[in-house]
C-alpha atoms as a PDB file:
ATOM      1  CA  UNK A   1     115.592  93.842 113.513  1.00  0.00           C
ATOM      2  CA  UNK A   2     112.353  94.009 111.564  1.00  0.00           C
ATOM      3  CA  UNK A   3     109.386  96.355 111.990  1.00  0.00           C
ATOM      4  CA  UNK A   4     105.803  95.492 112.903  1.00  0.00           C
ATOM      5  CA  UNK A   5     102.814  97.632 111.862  1.00  0.00           C
ATOM      6  CA  UNK A   6      99.170  97.225 112.922  1.00  0.00           C
ATOM      7  CA  UNK A   7      96.910  97.256 109.865  1.00  0.00           C
ATOM      8  CA  UNK A   8      93.324  98.628 110.017  1.00  0.00           C
ATOM      9  CA  UNK A   9      91.788  95.157 109.619  1.00  0.00           C
ATOM     10  CA  UNK A  10      93.567  93.866 112.725  1.00  0.00           C
ATOM     11  CA  UNK A  11      96.330  92.018 110.907  1.00  0.00           C
ATOM     12  CA  UNK A  12      99.993  92.759 111.555  1.00  0.00           C
ATOM     13  CA  UNK A  13     102.625  93.543 108.907  1.00  0.00           C
ATOM     14  CA  UNK A  14     106.136  92.258 109.698  1.00  0.00           C
ATOM     15  CA  UNK A  15     108.656  93.887 107.381  1.00  0.00           C
ATOM     16  CA  UNK A  16     112.369  94.829 107.053  1.00  0.00           C
ATOM     17  CA  UNK A  17     115.319  93.515 109.026  1.00  0.00           C
ATOM     18  CA  UNK A  18     117.794  90.652 108.703  1.00  0.00           C
ATOM     19  CA  UNK A  19     117.523  86.943 109.401  1.00  0.00           C
ATOM     20  CA  UNK A  20     121.075  86.460 110.716  1.00  0.00           C
ATOM     21  CA  UNK A  21     123.554  88.365 112.900  1.00  0.00           C
ATOM     22  CA  UNK A  22     122.707  91.334 115.053  1.00  0.00           C
ATOM     23  CA  UNK A  23     120.931  94.546 114.267  1.00  0.00           C
ATOM     24  CA  UNK A  24     123.598  97.259 113.906  1.00  0.00           C
ATOM     25  CA  UNK A  25     127.146  98.117 113.026  1.00  0.00           C
ATOM     26  CA  UNK A  26     127.444  95.961 109.909  1.00  0.00           C
ATOM     27  CA  UNK A  27     126.755  92.709 111.787  1.00  0.00           C
ATOM     28  CA  UNK A  28     123.441  91.803 110.142  1.00  0.00           C
ATOM     29  CA  UNK A  29     123.258  89.298 107.255  1.00  0.00           C
ATOM     30  CA  UNK A  30     120.671  87.847 104.916  1.00  0.00           C
ATOM     31  CA  UNK A  31     118.176  90.733 104.681  1.00  0.00           C
ATOM     32  CA  UNK A  32     114.495  89.805 104.896  1.00  0.00           C
ATOM     33  CA  UNK A  33     113.126  90.919 101.543  1.00  0.00           C
ATOM     34  CA  UNK A  34     109.702  89.252 101.810  1.00  0.00           C
ATOM     35  CA  UNK A  35     107.218  90.941 104.180  1.00  0.00           C
ATOM     36  CA  UNK A  36     104.960  88.684 106.252  1.00  0.00           C
ATOM     37  CA  UNK A  37     101.327  89.240 107.226  1.00  0.00           C
ATOM     38  CA  UNK A  38     100.261  87.831 110.583  1.00  0.00           C
ATOM     39  CA  UNK A  39      96.517  87.039 110.694  1.00  0.00           C
ATOM     40  CA  UNK A  40      95.604  86.501 114.384  1.00  0.00           C
ATOM     41  CA  UNK A  41      92.096  85.243 113.620  1.00  0.00           C
ATOM     42  CA  UNK A  42      93.260  82.412 111.325  1.00  0.00           C
ATOM     43  CA  UNK A  43      93.577  78.872 112.656  1.00  0.00           C
ATOM     44  CA  UNK A  44      96.855  77.931 114.297  1.00  0.00           C
ATOM     45  CA  UNK A  45      99.327  76.887 111.604  1.00  0.00           C
ATOM     46  CA  UNK A  46      97.982  79.285 108.971  1.00  0.00           C
ATOM     47  CA  UNK A  47      98.463  82.704 110.557  1.00  0.00           C
ATOM     48  CA  UNK A  48     101.670  83.783 108.811  1.00  0.00           C
ATOM     49  CA  UNK A  49     101.618  84.531 105.075  1.00  0.00           C
ATOM     50  CA  UNK A  50     104.649  85.657 103.035  1.00  0.00           C
ATOM     51  CA  UNK A  51     104.101  88.580 100.629  1.00  0.00           C
ATOM     52  CA  UNK A  52     105.802  89.671  97.415  1.00  0.00           C
ATOM     53  CA  UNK A  53     109.490  90.497  97.834  1.00  0.00           C
ATOM     54  CA  UNK A  54     111.258  93.844  97.629  1.00  0.00           C
ATOM     55  CA  UNK A  55     114.677  94.178  96.005  1.00  0.00           C
ATOM     56  CA  UNK A  56     115.961  96.682  98.575  1.00  0.00           C
ATOM     57  CA  UNK A  57     117.586  95.432 101.791  1.00  0.00           C
ATOM     58  CA  UNK A  58     116.228  97.417 104.723  1.00  0.00           C
ATOM     59  CA  UNK A  59     118.368  96.600 107.703  1.00  0.00           C
ATOM     60  CA  UNK A  60     118.939  98.468 110.977  1.00  0.00           C
ATOM     61  CA  UNK A  61     117.315 101.948 111.202  1.00  0.00           C
ATOM     62  CA  UNK A  62     114.614 101.099 108.653  1.00  0.00           C
ATOM     63  CA  UNK A  63     111.072 102.327 109.328  1.00  0.00           C
ATOM     64  CA  UNK A  64     107.463 101.735 108.332  1.00  0.00           C
ATOM     65  CA  UNK A  65     104.296 103.808 108.846  1.00  0.00           C
ATOM     66  CA  UNK A  66     100.626 103.235 108.034  1.00  0.00           C
ATOM     67  CA  UNK A  67      99.197 105.850 105.636  1.00  0.00           C
ATOM     68  CA  UNK A  68      95.650 107.211 105.436  1.00  0.00           C
ATOM     69  CA  UNK A  69      94.936 105.234 102.293  1.00  0.00           C
ATOM     70  CA  UNK A  70      95.853 101.938 103.961  1.00  0.00           C
ATOM     71  CA  UNK A  71      99.277 101.537 102.338  1.00  0.00           C
ATOM     72  CA  UNK A  72     102.461 101.325 104.425  1.00  0.00           C
ATOM     73  CA  UNK A  73     105.323 103.694 103.697  1.00  0.00           C
ATOM     74  CA  UNK A  74     108.643 101.870 104.058  1.00  0.00           C
ATOM     75  CA  UNK A  75     111.990 103.661 104.120  1.00  0.00           C
ATOM     76  CA  UNK A  76     115.537 103.778 105.375  1.00  0.00           C
ATOM     77  CA  UNK A  77     118.401 101.393 106.136  1.00  0.00           C
ATOM     78  CA  UNK A  78     121.650 102.269 107.861  1.00  0.00           C
ATOM     79  CA  UNK A  79     123.490  99.547 109.790  1.00  0.00           C
ATOM     80  CA  UNK A  80     126.548 101.776 110.179  1.00  0.00           C
ATOM     81  CA  UNK A  81     127.718 104.239 112.818  1.00  0.00           C
ATOM     82  CA  UNK A  82     127.442 107.051 110.214  1.00  0.00           C
ATOM     83  CA  UNK A  83     125.992 107.413 106.724  1.00  0.00           C
ATOM     84  CA  UNK A  84     127.988 105.187 104.383  1.00  0.00           C
ATOM     85  CA  UNK A  85     126.882 104.910 100.772  1.00  0.00           C
ATOM     86  CA  UNK A  86     129.836 103.067  99.160  1.00  0.00           C
ATOM     87  CA  UNK A  87     132.264 100.231  99.808  1.00  0.00           C
ATOM     88  CA  UNK A  88     130.111  98.324 102.305  1.00  0.00           C
ATOM     89  CA  UNK A  89     127.901  95.241 102.090  1.00  0.00           C
ATOM     90  CA  UNK A  90     124.688  97.112 102.852  1.00  0.00           C
ATOM     91  CA  UNK A  91     125.031 100.839 102.022  1.00  0.00           C
ATOM     92  CA  UNK A  92     122.950 103.490 103.716  1.00  0.00           C
ATOM     93  CA  UNK A  93     119.601 103.684 101.837  1.00  0.00           C
ATOM     94  CA  UNK A  94     117.306 106.717 101.983  1.00  0.00           C
ATOM     95  CA  UNK A  95     114.789 105.588  99.363  1.00  0.00           C
ATOM     96  CA  UNK A  96     111.103 105.035 100.041  1.00  0.00           C
ATOM     97  CA  UNK A  97     108.628 102.344  98.959  1.00  0.00           C
ATOM     98  CA  UNK A  98     104.891 101.790  99.521  1.00  0.00           C
ATOM     99  CA  UNK A  99     103.642  98.376 100.554  1.00  0.00           C
ATOM    100  CA  UNK A 100     100.018  97.643  99.558  1.00  0.00           C
ATOM    101  CA  UNK A 101      98.288  94.964 101.665  1.00  0.00           C
ATOM    102  CA  UNK A 102      95.939  92.565  99.919  1.00  0.00           C
ATOM    103  CA  UNK A 103      92.863  94.606 100.864  1.00  0.00           C
ATOM    104  CA  UNK A 104      94.056  97.166  98.295  1.00  0.00           C
ATOM    105  CA  UNK A 105      94.047  94.658  95.423  1.00  0.00           C
ATOM    106  CA  UNK A 106      92.655  96.575  92.396  1.00  0.00           C
ATOM    107  CA  UNK A 107      90.405  93.597  91.629  1.00  0.00           C
ATOM    108  CA  UNK A 108      88.485  94.339  94.820  1.00  0.00           C
ATOM    109  CA  UNK A 109      87.871  98.028  94.050  1.00  0.00           C
ATOM    110  CA  UNK A 110      84.249  97.468  92.987  1.00  0.00           C
ATOM    111  CA  UNK A 111      83.235  95.845  96.272  1.00  0.00           C
ATOM    112  CA  UNK A 112      85.357  97.956  98.622  1.00  0.00           C
ATOM    113  CA  UNK A 113      83.209 100.171 100.956  1.00  0.00           C
ATOM    114  CA  UNK A 114      83.341 103.932 100.338  1.00  0.00           C
ATOM    115  CA  UNK A 115      82.733 106.323 103.247  1.00  0.00           C
ATOM    116  CA  UNK A 116      80.260 109.051 102.246  1.00  0.00           C
ATOM    117  CA  UNK A 117      80.111 110.968 105.559  1.00  0.00           C
ATOM    118  CA  UNK A 118      81.277 112.411 107.827  1.00  0.00           C
ATOM    119  CA  UNK A 119      83.979 114.358 106.067  1.00  0.00           C
ATOM    120  CA  UNK A 120      87.661 113.936 106.761  1.00  0.00           C
ATOM    121  CA  UNK A 121      89.316 115.879 109.637  1.00  0.00           C
ATOM    122  CA  UNK A 122      86.368 115.129 111.897  1.00  0.00           C
ATOM    123  CA  UNK A 123      86.738 116.029 115.555  1.00  0.00           C
ATOM    124  CA  UNK A 124      84.936 113.889 118.126  1.00  0.00           C
ATOM    125  CA  UNK A 125      85.243 113.523 121.869  1.00  0.00           C
ATOM    126  CA  UNK A 126      85.444 110.518 124.191  1.00  0.00           C
ATOM    127  CA  UNK A 127      82.307 108.494 124.809  1.00  0.00           C
ATOM    128  CA  UNK A 128      80.371 109.969 121.843  1.00  0.00           C
ATOM    129  CA  UNK A 129      78.400 108.289 119.091  1.00  0.00           C
ATOM    130  CA  UNK A 130      80.046 108.263 115.666  1.00  0.00           C
ATOM    131  CA  UNK A 131      77.735 107.813 112.681  1.00  0.00           C
ATOM    132  CA  UNK A 132      79.241 106.795 109.322  1.00  0.00           C
ATOM    133  CA  UNK A 133      77.344 106.607 106.048  1.00  0.00           C
ATOM    134  CA  UNK A 134      78.928 104.434 103.370  1.00  0.00           C
ATOM    135  CA  UNK A 135      78.258 102.821 100.006  1.00  0.00           C
ATOM    136  CA  UNK A 136      79.013  99.180  99.253  1.00  0.00           C
ATOM    137  CA  UNK A 137      78.250  96.918  96.316  1.00  0.00           C
ATOM    138  CA  UNK A 138      77.623  93.194  96.401  1.00  0.00           C
ATOM    139  CA  UNK A 139      76.342  90.879  99.100  1.00  0.00           C
ATOM    140  CA  UNK A 140      76.719  91.986 102.714  1.00  0.00           C
ATOM    141  CA  UNK A 141      77.054  90.378 106.121  1.00  0.00           C
ATOM    142  CA  UNK A 142      76.200  93.029 108.686  1.00  0.00           C
ATOM    143  CA  UNK A 143      77.809  90.982 111.430  1.00  0.00           C
ATOM    144  CA  UNK A 144      81.186  91.361 109.759  1.00  0.00           C
ATOM    145  CA  UNK A 145      81.111  95.169 109.406  1.00  0.00           C
ATOM    146  CA  UNK A 146      83.518  96.781 111.862  1.00  0.00           C
ATOM    147  CA  UNK A 147      84.987 100.237 112.453  1.00  0.00           C
ATOM    148  CA  UNK A 148      88.564 100.618 113.636  1.00  0.00           C
ATOM    149  CA  UNK A 149      90.389 103.667 114.913  1.00  0.00           C
ATOM    150  CA  UNK A 150      94.158 103.761 114.361  1.00  0.00           C
ATOM    151  CA  UNK A 151      96.935 105.941 115.770  1.00  0.00           C
ATOM    152  CA  UNK A 152      99.586 105.582 113.024  1.00  0.00           C
ATOM    153  CA  UNK A 153     103.017 106.600 114.324  1.00  0.00           C
ATOM    154  CA  UNK A 154     106.175 105.606 112.522  1.00  0.00           C
ATOM    155  CA  UNK A 155     107.565 102.229 113.522  1.00  0.00           C
ATOM    156  CA  UNK A 156     111.295 101.568 113.846  1.00  0.00           C
ATOM    157  CA  UNK A 157     113.656  99.347 115.862  1.00  0.00           C
ATOM    158  CA  UNK A 158     111.038  96.559 115.677  1.00  0.00           C
ATOM    159  CA  UNK A 159     108.106  98.359 117.335  1.00  0.00           C
ATOM    160  CA  UNK A 160     106.358 101.624 118.176  1.00  0.00           C
ATOM    161  CA  UNK A 161     105.644 102.512 121.790  1.00  0.00           C
ATOM    162  CA  UNK A 162     102.473 104.461 120.960  1.00  0.00           C
ATOM    163  CA  UNK A 163     100.970 102.418 118.137  1.00  0.00           C
ATOM    164  CA  UNK A 164      97.248 101.793 118.763  1.00  0.00           C
ATOM    165  CA  UNK A 165      94.306 100.110 117.017  1.00  0.00           C
ATOM    166  CA  UNK A 166      90.832 100.258 118.583  1.00  0.00           C
ATOM    167  CA  UNK A 167      87.814  98.228 117.499  1.00  0.00           C
ATOM    168  CA  UNK A 168      84.756 100.442 117.965  1.00  0.00           C
ATOM    169  CA  UNK A 169      81.356  98.980 118.927  1.00  0.00           C
ATOM    170  CA  UNK A 170      77.890 100.377 119.533  1.00  0.00           C
ATOM    171  CA  UNK A 171      78.577 100.393 123.256  1.00  0.00           C
ATOM    172  CA  UNK A 172      77.603  96.790 123.988  1.00  0.00           C
ATOM    173  CA  UNK A 173      81.108  95.591 123.330  1.00  0.00           C
ATOM    174  CA  UNK A 174      79.965  93.257 120.534  1.00  0.00           C
ATOM    175  CA  UNK A 175      79.711  94.981 117.165  1.00  0.00           C
ATOM    176  CA  UNK A 176      78.616  98.061 115.275  1.00  0.00           C
ATOM    177  CA  UNK A 177      74.968  98.908 114.534  1.00  0.00           C
ATOM    178  CA  UNK A 178      74.373  98.776 110.789  1.00  0.00           C
ATOM    179  CA  UNK A 179      71.225 100.097 109.029  1.00  0.00           C
ATOM    180  CA  UNK A 180      70.501  99.682 105.274  1.00  0.00           C
ATOM    181  CA  UNK A 181      69.497 102.987 103.645  1.00  0.00           C
ATOM    182  CA  UNK A 182      68.710 101.584 100.198  1.00  0.00           C
ATOM    183  CA  UNK A 183      70.535 101.515  96.841  1.00  0.00           C
ATOM    184  CA  UNK A 184      73.763 100.091  98.259  1.00  0.00           C
ATOM    185  CA  UNK A 185      73.877 102.814 100.951  1.00  0.00           C
ATOM    186  CA  UNK A 186      74.319 101.977 104.647  1.00  0.00           C
ATOM    187  CA  UNK A 187      74.765 103.664 107.993  1.00  0.00           C
ATOM    188  CA  UNK A 188      76.912 102.339 110.820  1.00  0.00           C
ATOM    189  CA  UNK A 189      76.877 103.685 114.395  1.00  0.00           C
ATOM    190  CA  UNK A 190      79.605 103.135 116.941  1.00  0.00           C
ATOM    191  CA  UNK A 191      80.740 104.697 120.212  1.00  0.00           C
ATOM    192  CA  UNK A 192      84.142 106.210 120.812  1.00  0.00           C
ATOM    193  CA  UNK A 193      85.944 104.951 123.950  1.00  0.00           C
ATOM    194  CA  UNK A 194      85.105 106.550 127.261  1.00  0.00           C
ATOM    195  CA  UNK A 195      88.848 106.995 127.772  1.00  0.00           C
ATOM    196  CA  UNK A 196      91.932 105.994 125.868  1.00  0.00           C
ATOM    197  CA  UNK A 197      95.557 107.063 126.337  1.00  0.00           C
ATOM    198  CA  UNK A 198      96.989 108.671 123.235  1.00  0.00           C
ATOM    199  CA  UNK A 199     100.066 110.941 123.520  1.00  0.00           C
ATOM    200  CA  UNK A 200      99.472 114.661 122.895  1.00  0.00           C
ATOM    201  CA  UNK A 201      95.641 114.267 123.050  1.00  0.00           C
ATOM    202  CA  UNK A 202      93.427 115.508 125.831  1.00  0.00           C
ATOM    203  CA  UNK A 203      89.642 115.534 125.322  1.00  0.00           C
ATOM    204  CA  UNK A 204      89.418 115.565 121.538  1.00  0.00           C
ATOM    205  CA  UNK A 205      90.321 112.893 119.017  1.00  0.00           C
ATOM    206  CA  UNK A 206      92.220 114.867 116.391  1.00  0.00           C
ATOM    207  CA  UNK A 207      92.366 113.514 112.827  1.00  0.00           C
ATOM    208  CA  UNK A 208      96.080 114.381 112.696  1.00  0.00           C
ATOM    209  CA  UNK A 209      96.703 111.493 115.101  1.00  0.00           C
ATOM    210  CA  UNK A 210      93.689 109.260 114.513  1.00  0.00           C
ATOM    211  CA  UNK A 211      92.638 107.554 111.284  1.00  0.00           C
ATOM    212  CA  UNK A 212      89.288 105.805 111.188  1.00  0.00           C
ATOM    213  CA  UNK A 213      88.631 102.890 108.849  1.00  0.00           C
ATOM    214  CA  UNK A 214      85.452 101.058 107.934  1.00  0.00           C
ATOM    215  CA  UNK A 215      86.475  97.457 107.421  1.00  0.00           C
ATOM    216  CA  UNK A 216      85.134  94.006 106.692  1.00  0.00           C
ATOM    217  CA  UNK A 217      81.927  95.007 105.003  1.00  0.00           C
ATOM    218  CA  UNK A 218      82.981  92.299 102.602  1.00  0.00           C
ATOM    219  CA  UNK A 219      86.285  91.485 104.201  1.00  0.00           C
ATOM    220  CA  UNK A 220      87.938  94.606 102.718  1.00  0.00           C
ATOM    221  CA  UNK A 221      89.158  97.893 104.105  1.00  0.00           C
ATOM    222  CA  UNK A 222      87.401 101.107 103.049  1.00  0.00           C
ATOM    223  CA  UNK A 223      88.811 104.562 102.527  1.00  0.00           C
ATOM    224  CA  UNK A 224      89.547 106.432 105.785  1.00  0.00           C
ATOM    225  CA  UNK A 225      88.319 109.515 107.615  1.00  0.00           C
END
């Protein structure tokens, strides 16, 4: 029973679990140590890509959650009825790891977009324009610049019932409006949804539940709001 996490660039991380047996009660075998990235926009036959392996089996009751910096916090493993740390094939594990997707490769730091404004913890309502100023080095393709809004709950037992990722546009349903401001500075304007169901939220998007990412300015994820 692996876990699936929506990443801010629209890809899906598949991580944890076992490849044989059943999920709980010491019946799982062959832990899946290599995470997999699913890229839905790639051609058929090249959408799944294995990542570097972990050395820690994370079986039943493992969990994964997207962090504000784009990493994924991975923790837990307990295929037993109770905590059991010794004398079993896969002991209870309470350690934590951080998985870094390829958009956080240090070699890409120079060309990764940096959000200048607005500041973090922004509050914005439904159906309102959101203006983001950012800096970016290198060559740009304005048609590839997108803004995503993510509700990052923890994911366990293979899925999360309230995990959300929204692609924001300028209201025409096509893409964001991007304006060069000079000296590697840019402005992007998008509209928040007229209505979206998010648990515990009424009329305000609260930064505690929502993380906004500027992505794909050069194919890479930016810092978040």
